[in-house]
Amino acid sequence: MMSPAARIIIGLGVPFVSVIPTVPLLNHLPIAPFGIPLGLLWLFAAIPLTSLCLAICWFGHDRDLPDEDIVADYGADREP
C-alpha cells in the first residue's frame, strides 16, 4: 500500500509538473516536428501520462479496499 504522500506526489505532482511549467517553456523553442509545435505535442503526451499516474495511485491503494471502506474513507456516507 502506498503512503498518502506518495499518492499525492504521483497523482497530482507529476501531472502538474509535466504540464504547467513545461508547456510555456517548450512553446518558446523553434522545434516543430511534422509542423506541430513541441509544446502542443508535449501537452497531448501528458494526457496518457496523467491517466497512468492516476492508475498507479488506484492500483497502489484503492484497488484492495471493498466499496464500503472507500466510501467511509472519503466521508461520502455523511449526511449534510
N, C-alpha and C. Protein backbone atom coordinates (compact mmCIF):
# COMPACT_ATOMS: atom_id res chain seq x y z
N MET A 1 0.84 -1.17 0.00
CA MET A 1 0.00 0.00 0.00
C MET A 1 0.89 1.24 0.00
N MET A 2 0.50 2.22 -0.77
CA MET A 2 1.29 3.45 -0.90
C MET A 2 0.97 4.42 0.24
N SER A 3 1.96 5.20 0.60
CA SER A 3 1.73 6.22 1.62
C SER A 3 0.92 7.36 1.00
N PRO A 4 0.21 8.12 1.84
CA PRO A 4 -0.56 9.25 1.31
C PRO A 4 0.31 10.28 0.59
N ALA A 5 1.53 10.49 1.07
CA ALA A 5 2.41 11.44 0.40
C ALA A 5 2.80 10.97 -0.99
N ALA A 6 3.06 9.67 -1.12
CA ALA A 6 3.41 9.12 -2.44
C ALA A 6 2.24 9.23 -3.41
N ARG A 7 1.03 9.01 -2.91
CA ARG A 7 -0.16 9.13 -3.77
C ARG A 7 -0.35 10.57 -4.23
N ILE A 8 -0.11 11.53 -3.37
CA ILE A 8 -0.27 12.93 -3.74
C ILE A 8 0.79 13.33 -4.77
N ILE A 9 2.02 12.88 -4.55
CA ILE A 9 3.10 13.22 -5.48
C ILE A 9 2.84 12.61 -6.85
N ILE A 10 2.46 11.33 -6.87
CA ILE A 10 2.24 10.66 -8.15
C ILE A 10 0.94 11.13 -8.81
N GLY A 11 -0.12 11.27 -8.03
CA GLY A 11 -1.42 11.60 -8.60
C GLY A 11 -1.61 13.05 -8.97
N LEU A 12 -0.96 13.95 -8.23
CA LEU A 12 -1.11 15.38 -8.50
C LEU A 12 0.19 16.05 -8.94
N GLY A 13 1.28 15.70 -8.29
CA GLY A 13 2.55 16.37 -8.56
C GLY A 13 3.11 16.11 -9.95
N VAL A 14 3.15 14.86 -10.35
CA VAL A 14 3.72 14.53 -11.66
C VAL A 14 2.90 15.15 -12.80
N PRO A 15 1.56 14.99 -12.82
CA PRO A 15 0.81 15.65 -13.90
C PRO A 15 0.94 17.18 -13.87
N PHE A 16 0.94 17.77 -12.68
CA PHE A 16 1.06 19.23 -12.59
C PHE A 16 2.40 19.70 -13.16
N VAL A 17 3.48 19.06 -12.74
CA VAL A 17 4.81 19.46 -13.20
C VAL A 17 5.00 19.17 -14.68
N SER A 18 4.33 18.14 -15.20
CA SER A 18 4.50 17.81 -16.61
C SER A 18 3.75 18.77 -17.53
N VAL A 19 2.79 19.54 -17.01
CA VAL A 19 2.01 20.43 -17.87
C VAL A 19 2.30 21.91 -17.58
N ILE A 20 2.13 22.33 -16.35
CA ILE A 20 2.12 23.76 -16.03
C ILE A 20 3.45 24.44 -16.35
N PRO A 21 4.60 23.99 -15.85
CA PRO A 21 5.82 24.74 -16.17
C PRO A 21 6.44 24.39 -17.53
N THR A 22 6.17 23.21 -18.04
CA THR A 22 6.88 22.78 -19.25
C THR A 22 6.27 23.30 -20.54
N VAL A 23 4.97 23.36 -20.64
CA VAL A 23 4.33 23.77 -21.90
C VAL A 23 4.71 25.20 -22.28
N PRO A 24 4.65 26.18 -21.38
CA PRO A 24 5.09 27.52 -21.79
C PRO A 24 6.56 27.58 -22.20
N LEU A 25 7.40 26.79 -21.53
CA LEU A 25 8.82 26.79 -21.89
C LEU A 25 9.05 26.14 -23.25
N LEU A 26 8.34 25.06 -23.52
CA LEU A 26 8.52 24.37 -24.80
C LEU A 26 7.96 25.16 -25.97
N ASN A 27 6.98 26.02 -25.72
CA ASN A 27 6.41 26.81 -26.81
C ASN A 27 7.38 27.87 -27.33
N HIS A 28 8.38 28.21 -26.54
CA HIS A 28 9.36 29.20 -26.99
C HIS A 28 10.44 28.59 -27.87
N LEU A 29 10.50 27.28 -27.95
CA LEU A 29 11.51 26.62 -28.80
C LEU A 29 11.02 26.58 -30.25
N PRO A 30 11.93 26.76 -31.19
CA PRO A 30 11.51 26.74 -32.61
C PRO A 30 11.38 25.33 -33.20
N ILE A 31 11.33 24.32 -32.36
CA ILE A 31 11.23 22.93 -32.84
C ILE A 31 9.76 22.63 -33.15
N ALA A 32 9.53 22.07 -34.34
CA ALA A 32 8.16 21.71 -34.74
C ALA A 32 8.19 20.42 -35.55
N PRO A 33 8.21 19.27 -34.88
CA PRO A 33 8.19 18.01 -35.62
C PRO A 33 6.87 17.85 -36.38
N PHE A 34 6.97 17.52 -37.65
CA PHE A 34 5.80 17.36 -38.53
C PHE A 34 4.96 18.63 -38.60
N GLY A 35 5.56 19.77 -38.31
CA GLY A 35 4.86 21.04 -38.38
C GLY A 35 3.99 21.35 -37.17
N ILE A 36 4.10 20.53 -36.12
CA ILE A 36 3.31 20.74 -34.90
C ILE A 36 4.25 21.28 -33.83
N PRO A 37 3.89 22.37 -33.16
CA PRO A 37 4.77 22.91 -32.12
C PRO A 37 5.05 21.90 -31.01
N LEU A 38 6.27 21.95 -30.50
CA LEU A 38 6.70 20.98 -29.50
C LEU A 38 5.85 21.06 -28.23
N GLY A 39 5.44 22.25 -27.84
CA GLY A 39 4.59 22.39 -26.66
C GLY A 39 3.25 21.69 -26.81
N LEU A 40 2.69 21.75 -27.99
CA LEU A 40 1.41 21.08 -28.24
C LEU A 40 1.57 19.56 -28.22
N LEU A 41 2.65 19.07 -28.80
CA LEU A 41 2.91 17.62 -28.75
C LEU A 41 3.10 17.14 -27.31
N TRP A 42 3.84 17.92 -26.53
CA TRP A 42 4.06 17.56 -25.14
C TRP A 42 2.74 17.58 -24.35
N LEU A 43 1.89 18.54 -24.64
CA LEU A 43 0.61 18.63 -23.94
C LEU A 43 -0.25 17.40 -24.23
N PHE A 44 -0.28 16.96 -25.48
CA PHE A 44 -1.05 15.76 -25.80
C PHE A 44 -0.39 14.50 -25.23
N ALA A 45 0.92 14.48 -25.08
CA ALA A 45 1.60 13.35 -24.46
C ALA A 45 1.33 13.30 -22.96
N ALA A 46 1.01 14.44 -22.35
CA ALA A 46 0.74 14.48 -20.92
C ALA A 46 -0.62 13.87 -20.57
N ILE A 47 -1.51 13.75 -21.52
CA ILE A 47 -2.83 13.16 -21.24
C ILE A 47 -2.70 11.69 -20.83
N PRO A 48 -2.01 10.83 -21.61
CA PRO A 48 -1.85 9.45 -21.14
C PRO A 48 -0.96 9.36 -19.89
N LEU A 49 -0.01 10.29 -19.74
CA LEU A 49 0.82 10.29 -18.54
C LEU A 49 -0.02 10.53 -17.29
N THR A 50 -0.97 11.45 -17.38
CA THR A 50 -1.85 11.71 -16.24
C THR A 50 -2.72 10.50 -15.92
N SER A 51 -3.24 9.85 -16.95
CA SER A 51 -4.04 8.64 -16.73
C SER A 51 -3.20 7.54 -16.09
N LEU A 52 -1.96 7.42 -16.52
CA LEU A 52 -1.06 6.42 -15.94
C LEU A 52 -0.78 6.72 -14.47
N CYS A 53 -0.57 7.97 -14.14
CA CYS A 53 -0.33 8.34 -12.74
C CYS A 53 -1.54 8.03 -11.87
N LEU A 54 -2.73 8.32 -12.36
CA LEU A 54 -3.94 8.02 -11.59
C LEU A 54 -4.15 6.51 -11.45
N ALA A 55 -3.81 5.75 -12.49
CA ALA A 55 -3.91 4.29 -12.41
C ALA A 55 -2.93 3.73 -11.39
N ILE A 56 -1.73 4.29 -11.34
CA ILE A 56 -0.75 3.84 -10.35
C ILE A 56 -1.26 4.10 -8.94
N CYS A 57 -1.86 5.26 -8.72
CA CYS A 57 -2.43 5.56 -7.41
C CYS A 57 -3.55 4.59 -7.06
N TRP A 58 -4.39 4.27 -8.02
CA TRP A 58 -5.51 3.37 -7.75
C TRP A 58 -5.02 1.96 -7.47
N PHE A 59 -4.09 1.46 -8.29
CA PHE A 59 -3.57 0.12 -8.07
C PHE A 59 -2.77 0.04 -6.77
N GLY A 60 -2.16 1.13 -6.36
CA GLY A 60 -1.36 1.12 -5.15
C GLY A 60 -2.14 1.27 -3.88
N HIS A 61 -3.39 1.71 -3.94
CA HIS A 61 -4.12 1.93 -2.70
C HIS A 61 -5.57 1.46 -2.76
N ASP A 62 -6.39 2.06 -3.61
CA ASP A 62 -7.84 1.85 -3.56
C ASP A 62 -8.30 0.51 -4.11
N ARG A 63 -7.51 -0.17 -4.86
CA ARG A 63 -7.97 -1.39 -5.52
C ARG A 63 -8.33 -2.47 -4.51
N ASP A 64 -7.60 -2.59 -3.41
CA ASP A 64 -7.82 -3.68 -2.47
C ASP A 64 -8.91 -3.40 -1.44
N LEU A 65 -9.41 -2.18 -1.40
CA LEU A 65 -10.44 -1.84 -0.43
C LEU A 65 -11.83 -2.22 -0.94
N PRO A 66 -12.67 -2.80 -0.08
CA PRO A 66 -14.06 -3.01 -0.50
C PRO A 66 -14.76 -1.67 -0.69
N ASP A 67 -15.85 -1.67 -1.42
CA ASP A 67 -16.55 -0.42 -1.71
C ASP A 67 -16.98 0.32 -0.45
N GLU A 68 -17.39 -0.41 0.59
CA GLU A 68 -17.84 0.24 1.82
C GLU A 68 -16.70 1.00 2.48
N ASP A 69 -15.48 0.44 2.44
CA ASP A 69 -14.35 1.12 3.05
C ASP A 69 -13.94 2.36 2.27
N ILE A 70 -14.09 2.33 0.97
CA ILE A 70 -13.75 3.50 0.16
C ILE A 70 -14.70 4.64 0.50
N VAL A 71 -15.97 4.35 0.63
CA VAL A 71 -16.95 5.38 0.97
C VAL A 71 -16.66 5.93 2.36
N ALA A 72 -16.33 5.06 3.31
CA ALA A 72 -16.06 5.52 4.67
C ALA A 72 -14.77 6.34 4.72
N ASP A 73 -13.76 5.97 3.92
CA ASP A 73 -12.51 6.72 3.92
C ASP A 73 -12.68 8.14 3.45
N TYR A 74 -13.52 8.35 2.48
CA TYR A 74 -13.67 9.68 1.89
C TYR A 74 -14.86 10.45 2.42
N GLY A 75 -15.59 9.91 3.38
CA GLY A 75 -16.65 10.64 4.03
C GLY A 75 -17.88 10.86 3.16
N ALA A 76 -18.09 10.06 2.14
CA ALA A 76 -19.23 10.27 1.26
C ALA A 76 -20.53 9.76 1.88
N ASP A 77 -20.44 9.03 2.99
CA ASP A 77 -21.66 8.48 3.58
C ASP A 77 -22.25 9.42 4.64
N ARG A 78 -21.67 10.58 4.85
CA ARG A 78 -22.18 11.52 5.84
C ARG A 78 -23.37 12.30 5.28
N GLU A 79 -24.31 12.54 6.13
CA GLU A 79 -25.47 13.33 5.75
C GLU A 79 -25.13 14.80 5.92
N PRO A 80 -25.57 15.66 5.01
CA PRO A 80 -25.28 17.10 5.16
C PRO A 80 -26.07 17.74 6.27
